[in-house]
Amino acid sequence: MTPGNELLFVALGGSGEIGMNVNLYGTQGKWVMVDCGITFADPAYPGIDVMLPDLQFIEDRLDDLVGIVITHGHEDHIGGLPYLAADLDVPIYATPFTAGLIRGKLEEEGIADTVELKVIERAGSFRAGPFGFRFVPLAHSIPEANALLIDTPHGRVFHTGDWKLDKTTLVGAASTPAELEAIGDEGVFALVCDSTNVLNDTASGSEDDVYAGLLDTVASARGRVMVTTFASNAARLSTLGKVAQETGRAVCVAGRSLDRILRVARATGYLTDFPATVDFDTAMSMPRNEVLIIATGGQGEPRAALARVADGSHQISLEQGDRVVFSSKQIPGNEVAIGRIMNALATKGVEMITDRQAHVHVSGHPGRPELAAMYKWIRPDLVVPVHGEARHLAEHTRFALAQGVPDAITQQNGDILRLAPGGPRRIGHAVVGRLALDGDVILPADGNTINERRRISQYGQMSVAVAIDRRGNLVGNAVVRAQGVPVEDERDPFLEEAADAAEAAVRKGGRDREKLREQLRLAVRRVATRWTGKKPIVDVLLIEA
């Protein structure tokens, strides 16, 4: 699939799901990638925290890839770079704040010297192969969120990235309606647009509006206050810094990612008025009503600061009379993990405030009024919804057409679309999928390792070791061990019976070693099934003595 005199679009992630955004544009024999993000694993992937996109489609065409352009610095747009950028071996283009976050990630992986990172000034322009790019600032919850105005031989594409409308952006600047209208005046062929909040009939709301809600929530608290939010939400950090100063509280920051965001933000001219922070020991020694703690972990992440505070393994502690404010939206799929933390905090007598009790959060994505406004300003011939689950993409297509956009097409990860010439249509399908980051190893998300782990977690595991001589006679006794098999009080007699069954299998004879291994496996598993109703994984070690 080498693009000819045409404009192709392929989503390798982020279409049909929220997160792990990876998009490709192709023309004149070349491809360019927009964003390279991650998503977080659910309990179906035991032992896995981070999921990466499968980039096999473009890895098979690396000679045709001219670069990776990054819209902004959220993990679902840059998180895959530390693990995948070196193999892609093309320049990465980003604005200063986003480049600072990427550089830190590359340094942690020890590949900063091998990956070319090109810093483009805010609202700057550049070329990559047959594509021309211009960064167009838009409001979001992180500094330097950008749309991309992409010049191609078949017309201009306005790729929004993540965005919202906010007249009072607290960090960075956003393009005005007049500036967006001017882009529309110049002509835009396709609008490739964020779909996350297309089901919302109201606009996202301004970050400035959250200030009053957070101020009231913190000012009315008598004990310690911990606010948890996305680390990358620099606008919220700015708001919380002002709330702390207004309420006379010192600020303590808990979470490495928060430290990183603050460091990069200050280095690139943002959050320069954020108050000086105090360390954990100082925060714990201060009067309870004089400290505001900002922490990571509002989505239930088990190793984040909030979870560790809840289970008592953090240097910061909370108790009855303290308050935790969840200044973030609960991401679907995280309900159980968040509920577990909330229950642990409730047991301590900690009061919890979410956006259901107070106005402590606004979204960073556009609702229907904002989408309608963008259509009016940009006036595209075609809308291609991205960044959403299937229901979001389908509804975005319907909404765009209802608002008078001439054409719209619903696509999913892997659909190869020809956008031009001749109007949008599917012409093929790319290999897509997920990879699991397991420790320092990248594996297929549904490969043998993860499937084995699932089976072990469901059924348990047993091992049997048997020694035989050259004639196949038993030497000594069989040894059986079990893990995760539901036998506790009578474990010793269970293992003894399993060992007896293994020895009996050997005595039945047979010189075929593979058949003997299978007989041993089945004999031990039958004992486990008789005792427990489970069929554990059985590993056989056959030793010839």
Protein backbone atom coordinates (compact mmCIF):
# COMPACT_ATOMS: atom_id res chain seq x y z
CA MET A 1 0.00 0.00 0.00
CA THR A 2 2.12 2.85 -1.32
CA PRO A 3 0.07 6.06 -1.69
CA GLY A 4 0.00 7.40 -5.23
CA ASN A 5 -1.52 10.59 -6.53
CA GLU A 6 -4.15 10.52 -3.80
CA LEU A 7 -4.69 11.41 -0.14
CA LEU A 8 -5.00 8.44 2.21
CA PHE A 9 -5.89 8.34 5.90
CA VAL A 10 -5.37 5.41 8.29
CA ALA A 11 -5.96 5.35 12.05
CA LEU A 12 -3.76 2.77 13.79
CA GLY A 13 -5.17 3.76 17.19
CA GLY A 14 -7.71 6.09 18.77
CA SER A 15 -10.64 5.33 16.44
CA GLY A 16 -13.05 2.96 18.13
CA GLU A 17 -11.41 3.65 21.49
CA ILE A 18 -10.45 6.60 23.66
CA GLY A 19 -6.66 6.73 23.93
CA MET A 20 -3.63 5.38 22.04
CA ASN A 21 -3.99 7.89 19.22
CA VAL A 22 -1.98 7.14 16.06
CA ASN A 23 -3.00 8.51 12.67
CA LEU A 24 -1.34 8.28 9.24
CA TYR A 25 -1.68 10.47 6.17
CA GLY A 26 -0.32 9.29 2.84
CA THR A 27 0.29 10.95 -0.52
CA GLN A 28 2.84 10.93 -3.35
CA GLY A 29 4.50 7.75 -2.14
CA LYS A 30 5.05 9.01 1.43
CA TRP A 31 3.41 8.67 4.84
CA VAL A 32 3.43 10.94 7.89
CA MET A 33 2.34 9.97 11.39
CA VAL A 34 0.32 12.24 13.67
CA ASP A 35 0.73 11.36 17.37
CA CYS A 36 1.91 8.11 18.93
CA GLY A 37 0.11 7.43 22.19
CA ILE A 38 -0.60 4.71 24.71
CA THR A 39 -3.60 3.49 26.63
CA PHE A 40 -3.78 1.79 29.99
CA ALA A 41 -4.56 -1.89 30.42
CA ASP A 42 -7.69 -3.28 32.03
CA PRO A 43 -7.88 -6.37 34.30
CA ALA A 44 -8.12 -8.62 31.22
CA TYR A 45 -4.34 -8.16 30.91
CA PRO A 46 -2.92 -9.35 34.25
CA GLY A 47 0.38 -7.75 35.20
CA ILE A 48 0.18 -5.16 32.41
CA ASP A 49 -0.14 -1.40 32.98
CA VAL A 50 0.60 0.10 29.56
CA MET A 51 -0.67 -0.85 26.12
CA LEU A 52 1.06 0.28 22.92
CA PRO A 53 -0.25 0.46 19.36
CA ASP A 54 0.78 -2.21 16.89
CA LEU A 55 2.55 -0.23 14.17
CA GLN A 56 3.25 -3.17 11.85
CA PHE A 57 1.49 -1.47 8.94
CA ILE A 58 3.86 1.50 8.91
CA GLU A 59 6.87 -0.52 10.11
CA ASP A 60 6.58 -2.47 6.86
CA ARG A 61 6.87 0.87 5.02
CA LEU A 62 9.53 2.69 7.03
CA ASP A 63 11.33 3.89 3.92
CA ASP A 64 8.20 5.88 3.06
CA LEU A 65 7.65 7.43 6.53
CA VAL A 66 8.84 11.06 6.66
CA GLY A 67 8.15 12.03 10.26
CA ILE A 68 5.98 12.02 13.39
CA VAL A 69 4.08 15.22 14.21
CA ILE A 70 2.75 15.62 17.75
CA THR A 71 -0.35 17.68 18.52
CA HIS A 72 0.16 17.92 22.32
CA GLY A 73 1.74 16.26 25.31
CA HIS A 74 -0.91 13.96 26.79
CA GLU A 75 0.09 10.33 27.29
CA ASP A 76 -2.49 9.10 24.79
CA HIS A 77 -0.65 11.18 22.16
CA ILE A 78 3.06 10.89 23.13
CA GLY A 79 3.30 7.88 25.49
CA GLY A 80 4.35 5.41 22.79
CA LEU A 81 7.39 7.42 21.67
CA PRO A 82 9.90 6.15 24.26
CA TYR A 83 9.23 2.57 23.17
CA LEU A 84 8.61 2.93 19.43
CA ALA A 85 10.37 6.06 18.14
CA ALA A 86 13.86 4.56 17.90
CA ASP A 87 12.64 1.76 15.61
CA LEU A 88 10.69 4.21 13.44
CA ASP A 89 13.88 6.28 13.03
CA VAL A 90 12.28 9.47 11.70
CA PRO A 91 12.22 13.03 13.08
CA ILE A 92 9.64 13.98 15.71
CA TYR A 93 8.13 17.47 15.37
CA ALA A 94 6.64 19.21 18.42
CA THR A 95 6.26 22.65 20.01
CA PRO A 96 8.54 23.58 22.96
CA PHE A 97 6.47 22.39 25.94
CA THR A 98 5.49 19.13 24.27
CA ALA A 99 9.08 18.61 23.11
CA GLY A 100 10.23 19.07 26.72
CA LEU A 101 7.95 16.28 27.89
CA ILE A 102 9.06 14.02 25.05
CA ARG A 103 12.73 14.73 25.69
CA GLY A 104 12.35 13.70 29.33
CA LYS A 105 10.78 10.41 28.28
CA LEU A 106 13.49 9.71 25.74
CA GLU A 107 16.17 10.45 28.34
CA GLU A 108 14.58 8.02 30.80
CA GLU A 109 14.79 5.31 28.13
CA GLY A 110 18.37 6.27 27.25
CA ILE A 111 17.57 7.05 23.59
CA ALA A 112 17.59 10.87 23.59
CA ASP A 113 20.77 10.90 21.51
CA THR A 114 19.43 8.50 18.89
CA VAL A 115 15.99 10.04 18.25
CA GLU A 116 15.81 13.31 16.30
CA LEU A 117 13.48 15.74 18.07
CA LYS A 118 12.76 18.93 16.13
CA VAL A 119 11.32 21.82 18.15
CA ILE A 120 8.91 24.00 16.18
CA GLU A 121 8.00 27.39 17.60
CA ARG A 122 4.44 28.03 18.75
CA ALA A 123 2.17 28.56 15.72
CA GLY A 124 5.16 27.63 13.55
CA SER A 125 5.24 25.96 10.15
CA PHE A 126 7.46 23.31 8.53
CA ARG A 127 7.52 20.71 5.77
CA ALA A 128 7.92 16.94 5.95
CA GLY A 129 8.10 15.23 2.58
CA PRO A 130 5.11 16.23 0.43
CA PHE A 131 3.26 17.61 3.48
CA GLY A 132 3.22 21.15 4.81
CA PHE A 133 2.33 21.65 8.47
CA ARG A 134 1.27 24.60 10.58
CA PHE A 135 0.57 24.40 14.30
CA VAL A 136 -2.74 26.11 15.17
CA PRO A 137 -3.13 26.69 18.95
CA LEU A 138 -6.40 25.48 20.49
CA ALA A 139 -7.63 25.39 24.07
CA HIS A 140 -7.28 22.14 26.01
CA SER A 141 -6.17 21.10 29.49
CA ILE A 142 -2.45 21.18 28.72
CA PRO A 143 -0.17 23.91 27.33
CA GLU A 144 0.40 24.04 23.60
CA ALA A 145 -2.46 21.88 22.45
CA ASN A 146 -2.49 22.29 18.69
CA ALA A 147 -4.53 21.54 15.67
CA LEU A 148 -2.52 20.78 12.55
CA LEU A 149 -3.24 22.56 9.30
CA ILE A 150 -1.85 20.10 6.76
CA ASP A 151 -1.17 21.14 3.17
CA THR A 152 -1.38 18.27 0.70
CA PRO A 153 -1.54 18.11 -3.11
CA HIS A 154 -5.23 17.24 -2.73
CA GLY A 155 -6.32 20.03 -0.41
CA ARG A 156 -5.83 21.14 3.15
CA VAL A 157 -6.69 19.05 6.20
CA PHE A 158 -7.49 20.55 9.61
CA HIS A 159 -6.57 17.87 12.17
CA THR A 160 -7.85 19.14 15.52
CA GLY A 161 -6.09 16.94 18.04
CA ASP A 162 -7.78 17.33 21.45
CA TRP A 163 -9.53 20.66 21.91
CA LYS A 164 -12.34 22.71 23.44
CA LEU A 165 -13.46 26.33 23.39
CA ASP A 166 -12.42 28.45 26.36
CA LYS A 167 -12.27 32.23 26.31
CA THR A 168 -10.22 32.32 29.50
CA THR A 169 -7.40 29.87 28.89
CA LEU A 170 -5.15 29.93 31.94
CA VAL A 171 -2.00 28.52 30.31
CA GLY A 172 -0.96 29.38 26.80
CA ALA A 173 -3.04 30.96 24.07
CA ALA A 174 -5.73 29.67 21.75
CA SER A 175 -6.75 30.77 18.28
CA THR A 176 -9.64 33.20 18.18
CA PRO A 177 -12.84 32.58 16.20
CA ALA A 178 -11.65 35.19 13.70
CA GLU A 179 -8.36 33.31 13.19
CA LEU A 180 -10.22 30.03 12.69
CA GLU A 181 -12.62 31.71 10.27
CA ALA A 182 -9.61 32.96 8.31
CA ILE A 183 -8.38 29.38 7.98
CA GLY A 184 -11.83 28.43 6.69
CA ASP A 185 -11.71 31.32 4.22
CA GLU A 186 -8.52 29.86 2.74
CA GLY A 187 -10.33 26.56 2.16
CA VAL A 188 -10.27 23.31 4.13
CA PHE A 189 -10.98 20.03 2.41
CA ALA A 190 -11.23 17.72 5.46
CA LEU A 191 -11.77 18.27 9.19
CA VAL A 192 -10.37 15.33 11.17
CA CYS A 193 -11.93 15.97 14.54
CA ASP A 194 -12.06 14.94 18.22
CA SER A 195 -15.30 13.05 19.01
CA THR A 196 -14.98 12.37 22.75
CA ASN A 197 -17.87 14.57 23.95
CA VAL A 198 -20.12 14.50 20.88
CA LEU A 199 -22.89 12.98 23.01
CA ASN A 200 -22.89 16.05 25.31
CA ASP A 201 -25.52 18.66 24.48
CA THR A 202 -23.68 21.35 26.45
CA ALA A 203 -20.30 22.97 25.96
CA SER A 204 -17.36 21.77 28.02
CA GLY A 205 -17.15 24.88 30.17
CA SER A 206 -14.30 27.16 31.04
CA GLU A 207 -11.37 26.36 33.29
CA ASP A 208 -12.04 29.73 34.89
CA ASP A 209 -15.42 28.44 36.07
CA VAL A 210 -13.75 25.66 38.04
CA TYR A 211 -11.85 28.17 40.14
CA ALA A 212 -14.92 29.21 42.12
CA GLY A 213 -15.98 25.62 42.78
CA LEU A 214 -12.53 24.57 43.94
CA LEU A 215 -12.12 27.70 46.02
CA ASP A 216 -15.36 27.02 47.92
CA THR A 217 -14.50 23.35 48.34
CA VAL A 218 -11.04 24.02 49.76
CA ALA A 219 -12.00 27.07 51.83
CA SER A 220 -14.76 25.15 53.64
CA ALA A 221 -12.47 22.28 54.63
CA ARG A 222 -11.21 22.13 58.21
CA GLY A 223 -8.50 19.52 57.77
CA ARG A 224 -6.00 18.57 55.11
CA VAL A 225 -7.18 18.79 51.52
CA MET A 226 -5.87 16.53 48.80
CA VAL A 227 -6.89 17.28 45.21
CA THR A 228 -6.30 14.63 42.60
CA THR A 229 -6.23 15.51 38.92
CA PHE A 230 -4.45 14.49 35.74
CA ALA A 231 -0.80 15.45 36.10
CA SER A 232 -0.74 16.93 32.61
CA ASN A 233 -3.68 19.25 33.30
CA ALA A 234 -1.48 22.31 33.71
CA ALA A 235 -4.50 24.59 33.59
CA ARG A 236 -5.90 22.82 36.67
CA LEU A 237 -2.53 23.10 38.39
CA SER A 238 -2.61 26.83 37.76
CA THR A 239 -6.11 27.01 39.25
CA LEU A 240 -5.08 25.01 42.31
CA GLY A 241 -2.04 27.21 42.86
CA LYS A 242 -4.33 30.25 43.00
CA VAL A 243 -6.79 28.45 45.29
CA ALA A 244 -3.96 27.56 47.69
CA GLN A 245 -2.78 31.16 47.85
CA GLU A 246 -6.32 32.47 48.31
CA THR A 247 -7.03 30.06 51.17
CA GLY A 248 -3.65 30.49 52.86
CA ARG A 249 -2.53 26.93 52.32
CA ALA A 250 0.94 25.71 51.37
CA VAL A 251 1.15 23.43 48.33
CA CYS A 252 2.60 19.93 48.43
CA VAL A 253 2.89 17.90 45.22
CA ALA A 254 2.72 14.08 45.33
CA GLY A 255 3.59 12.26 42.12
CA ARG A 256 6.63 12.11 39.83
CA SER A 257 4.56 13.03 36.78
CA LEU A 258 3.36 16.19 38.54
CA ASP A 259 6.95 17.14 39.31
CA ARG A 260 7.85 16.60 35.65
CA ILE A 261 4.96 18.71 34.35
CA LEU A 262 5.80 21.58 36.71
CA ARG A 263 9.48 21.46 35.74
CA VAL A 264 8.86 21.46 31.98
CA ALA A 265 6.10 24.06 32.25
CA ARG A 266 8.32 26.50 34.11
CA ALA A 267 11.21 25.89 31.73
CA THR A 268 9.00 26.84 28.77
CA GLY A 269 7.37 29.90 30.31
CA TYR A 270 4.23 28.44 31.91
CA LEU A 271 3.14 28.29 35.57
CA THR A 272 5.79 30.84 36.50
CA ASP A 273 3.54 32.17 39.28
CA PHE A 274 2.81 28.73 40.74
CA PRO A 275 3.63 28.88 44.47
CA ALA A 276 6.72 27.25 45.91
CA THR A 277 5.99 23.75 47.14
CA VAL A 278 6.77 22.06 50.47
CA ASP A 279 8.05 18.51 50.91
CA PHE A 280 6.13 15.64 52.47
CA ASP A 281 7.67 15.98 55.94
CA THR A 282 6.91 19.70 56.07
CA ALA A 283 3.35 19.12 54.86
CA MET A 284 2.75 16.53 57.59
CA SER A 285 4.16 18.80 60.30
CA MET A 286 1.98 21.79 59.41
CA PRO A 287 -1.44 22.50 60.91
CA ARG A 288 -3.97 20.40 59.00
CA ASN A 289 -5.87 23.40 57.68
CA GLU A 290 -2.76 25.01 56.21
CA VAL A 291 -1.79 22.53 53.50
CA LEU A 292 -3.19 21.66 50.07
CA ILE A 293 -1.83 18.45 48.52
CA ILE A 294 -2.02 17.88 44.76
CA ALA A 295 -1.74 14.20 43.93
CA THR A 296 -1.84 11.80 41.02
CA GLY A 297 -4.04 8.71 40.95
CA GLY A 298 -7.60 9.93 40.43
CA GLN A 299 -8.25 7.09 37.96
CA GLY A 300 -7.45 4.41 40.52
CA GLU A 301 -3.89 3.68 39.39
CA PRO A 302 -2.56 1.25 42.04
CA ARG A 303 0.96 2.71 42.25
CA ALA A 304 -0.02 6.39 42.10
CA ALA A 305 0.11 8.67 45.12
CA LEU A 306 -3.61 8.60 45.98
CA ALA A 307 -3.78 4.80 46.10
CA ARG A 308 -0.73 4.66 48.35
CA VAL A 309 -2.19 7.30 50.66
CA ALA A 310 -5.43 5.32 50.79
CA ASP A 311 -3.67 2.06 51.74
CA GLY A 312 -1.32 3.76 54.20
CA SER A 313 1.95 3.16 52.31
CA HIS A 314 2.72 6.82 51.49
CA GLN A 315 4.59 9.42 53.54
CA ILE A 316 1.46 11.55 53.43
CA SER A 317 -1.45 10.35 55.54
CA LEU A 318 -5.09 11.38 55.76
CA GLU A 319 -7.56 10.82 58.57
CA GLN A 320 -11.04 11.71 59.74
CA GLY A 321 -11.85 15.34 59.00
CA ASP A 322 -9.62 15.51 55.92
CA ARG A 323 -11.00 15.93 52.41
CA VAL A 324 -10.12 14.46 49.00
CA VAL A 325 -11.33 16.28 45.89
CA PHE A 326 -11.54 14.34 42.62
CA SER A 327 -10.94 17.13 40.10
CA SER A 328 -11.17 14.88 37.05
CA LYS A 329 -13.69 12.87 35.09
CA GLN A 330 -13.94 9.17 35.77
CA ILE A 331 -12.72 7.37 32.66
CA PRO A 332 -15.01 4.45 31.70
CA GLY A 333 -13.49 1.18 32.84
CA ASN A 334 -11.82 2.66 35.92
CA GLU A 335 -14.92 2.58 38.14
CA VAL A 336 -13.90 -0.49 40.16
CA ALA A 337 -10.36 0.73 40.82
CA ILE A 338 -11.58 4.20 41.82
CA GLY A 339 -14.30 2.70 44.02
CA ARG A 340 -11.72 0.59 45.82
CA ILE A 341 -9.70 3.69 46.71
CA MET A 342 -12.82 5.61 47.74
CA ASN A 343 -13.83 2.78 50.07
CA ALA A 344 -10.38 2.77 51.68
CA LEU A 345 -10.57 6.53 52.21
CA ALA A 346 -14.11 6.28 53.59
CA THR A 347 -12.88 3.72 56.13
CA LYS A 348 -10.44 6.35 57.38
CA GLY A 349 -13.26 8.86 57.73
CA VAL A 350 -12.04 11.01 54.84
CA GLU A 351 -14.67 13.11 53.07
CA MET A 352 -14.71 12.88 49.26
CA ILE A 353 -15.91 15.47 46.77
CA THR A 354 -16.42 14.69 43.07
CA ASP A 355 -17.92 16.68 40.22
CA ARG A 356 -21.31 15.35 41.32
CA GLN A 357 -21.13 17.28 44.59
CA ALA A 358 -19.37 20.46 43.44
CA HIS A 359 -18.19 22.18 40.28
CA VAL A 360 -14.59 20.93 40.51
CA HIS A 361 -13.94 19.75 36.96
CA VAL A 362 -14.57 20.68 33.33
CA SER A 363 -13.73 18.56 30.32
CA GLY A 364 -11.04 19.36 27.80
CA HIS A 365 -13.05 18.08 24.83
CA PRO A 366 -15.77 19.73 22.72
CA GLY A 367 -19.48 19.21 23.25
CA ARG A 368 -22.00 19.59 20.45
CA PRO A 369 -22.18 23.42 20.58
CA GLU A 370 -18.41 23.64 20.22
CA LEU A 371 -18.36 21.17 17.34
CA ALA A 372 -21.08 23.14 15.57
CA ALA A 373 -19.04 26.32 16.01
CA MET A 374 -15.93 24.67 14.57
CA TYR A 375 -17.86 23.49 11.50
CA LYS A 376 -19.12 27.05 11.01
CA TRP A 377 -15.65 28.55 11.20
CA ILE A 378 -13.67 25.94 9.22
CA ARG A 379 -16.41 25.05 6.69
CA PRO A 380 -14.89 21.71 5.61
CA ASP A 381 -16.12 19.65 2.67
CA LEU A 382 -15.66 16.49 4.73
CA VAL A 383 -15.59 15.52 8.43
CA VAL A 384 -13.64 12.44 9.57
CA PRO A 385 -14.40 11.69 13.24
CA VAL A 386 -11.51 10.32 15.33
CA HIS A 387 -10.68 10.01 19.05
CA GLY A 388 -13.72 8.15 20.35
CA GLU A 389 -15.42 4.82 20.77
CA ALA A 390 -17.60 3.47 17.96
CA ARG A 391 -20.71 5.18 19.33
CA HIS A 392 -18.93 8.53 19.45
CA LEU A 393 -17.64 8.25 15.89
CA ALA A 394 -21.01 7.22 14.49
CA GLU A 395 -22.84 10.02 16.30
CA HIS A 396 -20.23 12.56 15.22
CA THR A 397 -20.85 11.59 11.58
CA ARG A 398 -24.61 12.04 12.03
CA PHE A 399 -24.18 15.34 13.85
CA ALA A 400 -21.81 16.79 11.23
CA LEU A 401 -24.21 15.96 8.40
CA ALA A 402 -27.13 17.40 10.37
CA GLN A 403 -25.17 20.63 10.80
CA GLY A 404 -24.81 21.00 7.03
CA VAL A 405 -21.33 19.60 6.46
CA PRO A 406 -21.43 18.26 2.87
CA ASP A 407 -19.89 14.87 3.67
CA ALA A 408 -18.73 12.76 6.60
CA ILE A 409 -17.41 9.22 6.96
CA THR A 410 -17.24 6.91 9.95
CA GLN A 411 -14.05 4.89 10.20
CA GLN A 412 -12.38 2.54 12.67
CA ASN A 413 -8.80 1.60 13.44
CA GLY A 414 -7.34 -0.10 10.39
CA ASP A 415 -9.67 1.32 7.76
CA ILE A 416 -7.62 2.64 4.83
CA LEU A 417 -9.55 5.62 3.52
CA ARG A 418 -8.94 7.40 0.24
CA LEU A 419 -10.09 10.94 1.04
CA ALA A 420 -9.27 12.33 -2.41
CA PRO A 421 -9.71 12.36 -5.29
CA GLY A 422 -13.29 11.28 -5.84
CA GLY A 423 -14.64 11.58 -2.32
CA PRO A 424 -14.01 9.41 0.75
CA ARG A 425 -14.18 5.63 0.52
CA ARG A 426 -12.55 2.58 2.07
CA ILE A 427 -10.00 0.90 -0.13
CA GLY A 428 -8.43 -1.61 2.24
CA HIS A 429 -7.61 -2.59 5.80
CA ALA A 430 -4.36 -2.24 7.72
CA VAL A 431 -3.10 -4.56 10.42
CA VAL A 432 -3.94 -3.00 13.79
CA GLY A 433 -3.87 -4.19 17.36
CA ARG A 434 -2.27 -3.69 20.72
CA LEU A 435 1.06 -4.54 22.24
CA ALA A 436 1.61 -5.01 25.95
CA LEU A 437 4.52 -3.40 27.79
CA ASP A 438 5.47 -6.12 30.27
CA GLY A 439 8.39 -4.93 32.36
CA ASP A 440 11.02 -4.05 29.75
CA VAL A 441 9.56 -6.34 27.09
CA ILE A 442 6.98 -5.53 24.40
CA LEU A 443 4.66 -8.45 23.66
CA PRO A 444 1.54 -9.09 21.58
CA ALA A 445 -1.37 -8.13 23.82
CA ASP A 446 -3.15 -11.39 23.08
CA GLY A 447 -0.11 -13.58 22.45
CA ASN A 448 1.00 -16.74 24.20
CA THR A 449 2.49 -15.03 27.27
CA ILE A 450 -0.62 -13.06 28.19
CA ASN A 451 -2.93 -15.96 27.35
CA GLU A 452 -0.86 -18.26 29.59
CA ARG A 453 -1.02 -15.68 32.37
CA ARG A 454 -4.79 -15.42 32.01
CA ARG A 455 -5.14 -19.20 32.25
CA ILE A 456 -2.88 -19.38 35.31
CA SER A 457 -4.85 -16.58 37.00
CA GLN A 458 -8.11 -18.42 36.33
CA TYR A 459 -7.14 -22.03 37.03
CA GLY A 460 -3.89 -22.01 39.01
CA GLN A 461 -0.72 -23.92 38.18
CA MET A 462 0.81 -27.24 39.25
CA SER A 463 4.17 -28.79 38.50
CA VAL A 464 5.19 -32.42 38.76
CA ALA A 465 8.76 -33.74 38.67
CA VAL A 466 9.45 -37.43 38.08
CA ALA A 467 12.76 -39.30 37.69
CA ILE A 468 12.94 -42.49 35.61
CA ASP A 469 15.71 -44.81 34.50
CA ARG A 470 16.52 -45.85 30.93
CA ARG A 471 13.86 -48.56 31.00
CA GLY A 472 11.18 -46.13 32.14
CA ASN A 473 11.07 -47.32 35.75
CA LEU A 474 10.36 -44.86 38.52
CA VAL A 475 13.37 -43.66 40.50
CA GLY A 476 12.50 -42.22 43.90
CA ASN A 477 9.22 -40.40 44.47
CA ALA A 478 7.29 -37.91 42.35
CA VAL A 479 7.31 -34.33 43.61
CA VAL A 480 4.25 -32.09 43.07
CA ARG A 481 3.88 -28.38 43.80
CA ALA A 482 0.85 -26.11 43.33
CA GLN A 483 0.22 -22.37 43.07
CA GLY A 484 -3.17 -20.71 42.99
CA VAL A 485 -5.08 -24.01 43.23
CA PRO A 486 -7.91 -23.63 45.80
CA VAL A 487 -6.72 -26.17 48.38
CA GLU A 488 -5.60 -24.77 51.72
CA ASP A 489 -6.42 -26.72 54.88
CA GLU A 490 -5.76 -30.13 53.25
CA ARG A 491 -2.91 -29.09 51.00
CA ASP A 492 -0.48 -31.84 52.07
CA PRO A 493 -2.85 -34.78 51.44
CA PHE A 494 -3.86 -33.17 48.13
CA LEU A 495 -0.26 -33.01 46.96
CA GLU A 496 0.39 -36.54 48.20
CA GLU A 497 -2.54 -37.90 46.20
CA ALA A 498 -1.38 -36.01 43.11
CA ALA A 499 2.13 -37.49 43.56
CA ASP A 500 0.67 -41.00 43.94
CA ALA A 501 -1.29 -40.49 40.71
CA ALA A 502 1.89 -39.39 38.93
CA GLU A 503 3.79 -42.45 40.14
CA ALA A 504 0.93 -44.70 39.04
CA ALA A 505 1.08 -43.15 35.58
CA VAL A 506 4.79 -43.99 35.36
CA ARG A 507 4.22 -47.58 36.49
CA LYS A 508 1.72 -48.08 33.67
CA GLY A 509 4.79 -47.89 31.52
CA GLY A 510 5.55 -46.92 27.99
CA ARG A 511 8.83 -45.97 26.38
CA ASP A 512 7.39 -43.02 24.43
CA ARG A 513 8.53 -40.07 26.52
CA GLU A 514 6.03 -37.60 25.06
CA LYS A 515 3.11 -39.92 25.76
CA LEU A 516 4.42 -40.38 29.29
CA ARG A 517 4.54 -36.60 29.81
CA GLU A 518 0.94 -36.34 28.71
CA GLN A 519 -0.11 -39.22 30.99
CA LEU A 520 1.56 -37.47 33.92
CA ARG A 521 -0.10 -34.15 33.10
CA LEU A 522 -3.57 -35.67 32.86
CA ALA A 523 -3.13 -37.79 35.99
CA VAL A 524 -2.19 -34.79 38.15
CA ARG A 525 -4.91 -32.60 36.64
CA ARG A 526 -7.58 -35.27 37.28
CA VAL A 527 -6.68 -35.22 40.97
CA ALA A 528 -6.97 -31.43 41.05
CA THR A 529 -10.33 -31.52 39.26
CA ARG A 530 -11.64 -34.16 41.67
CA TRP A 531 -10.58 -32.06 44.67
CA THR A 532 -11.46 -28.58 43.44
CA GLY A 533 -13.51 -28.66 40.23
CA LYS A 534 -10.70 -26.68 38.58
CA LYS A 535 -8.41 -27.74 35.74
CA PRO A 536 -5.07 -26.09 36.55
CA ILE A 537 -2.15 -25.72 34.17
CA VAL A 538 0.19 -28.66 34.80
CA ASP A 539 3.90 -28.53 33.91
CA VAL A 540 5.79 -31.83 33.76
CA LEU A 541 9.52 -32.22 34.44
CA LEU A 542 10.68 -35.69 33.35
CA ILE A 543 14.22 -36.50 34.50
CA GLU A 544 16.13 -39.48 33.11
CA ALA A 545 18.41 -40.83 35.83
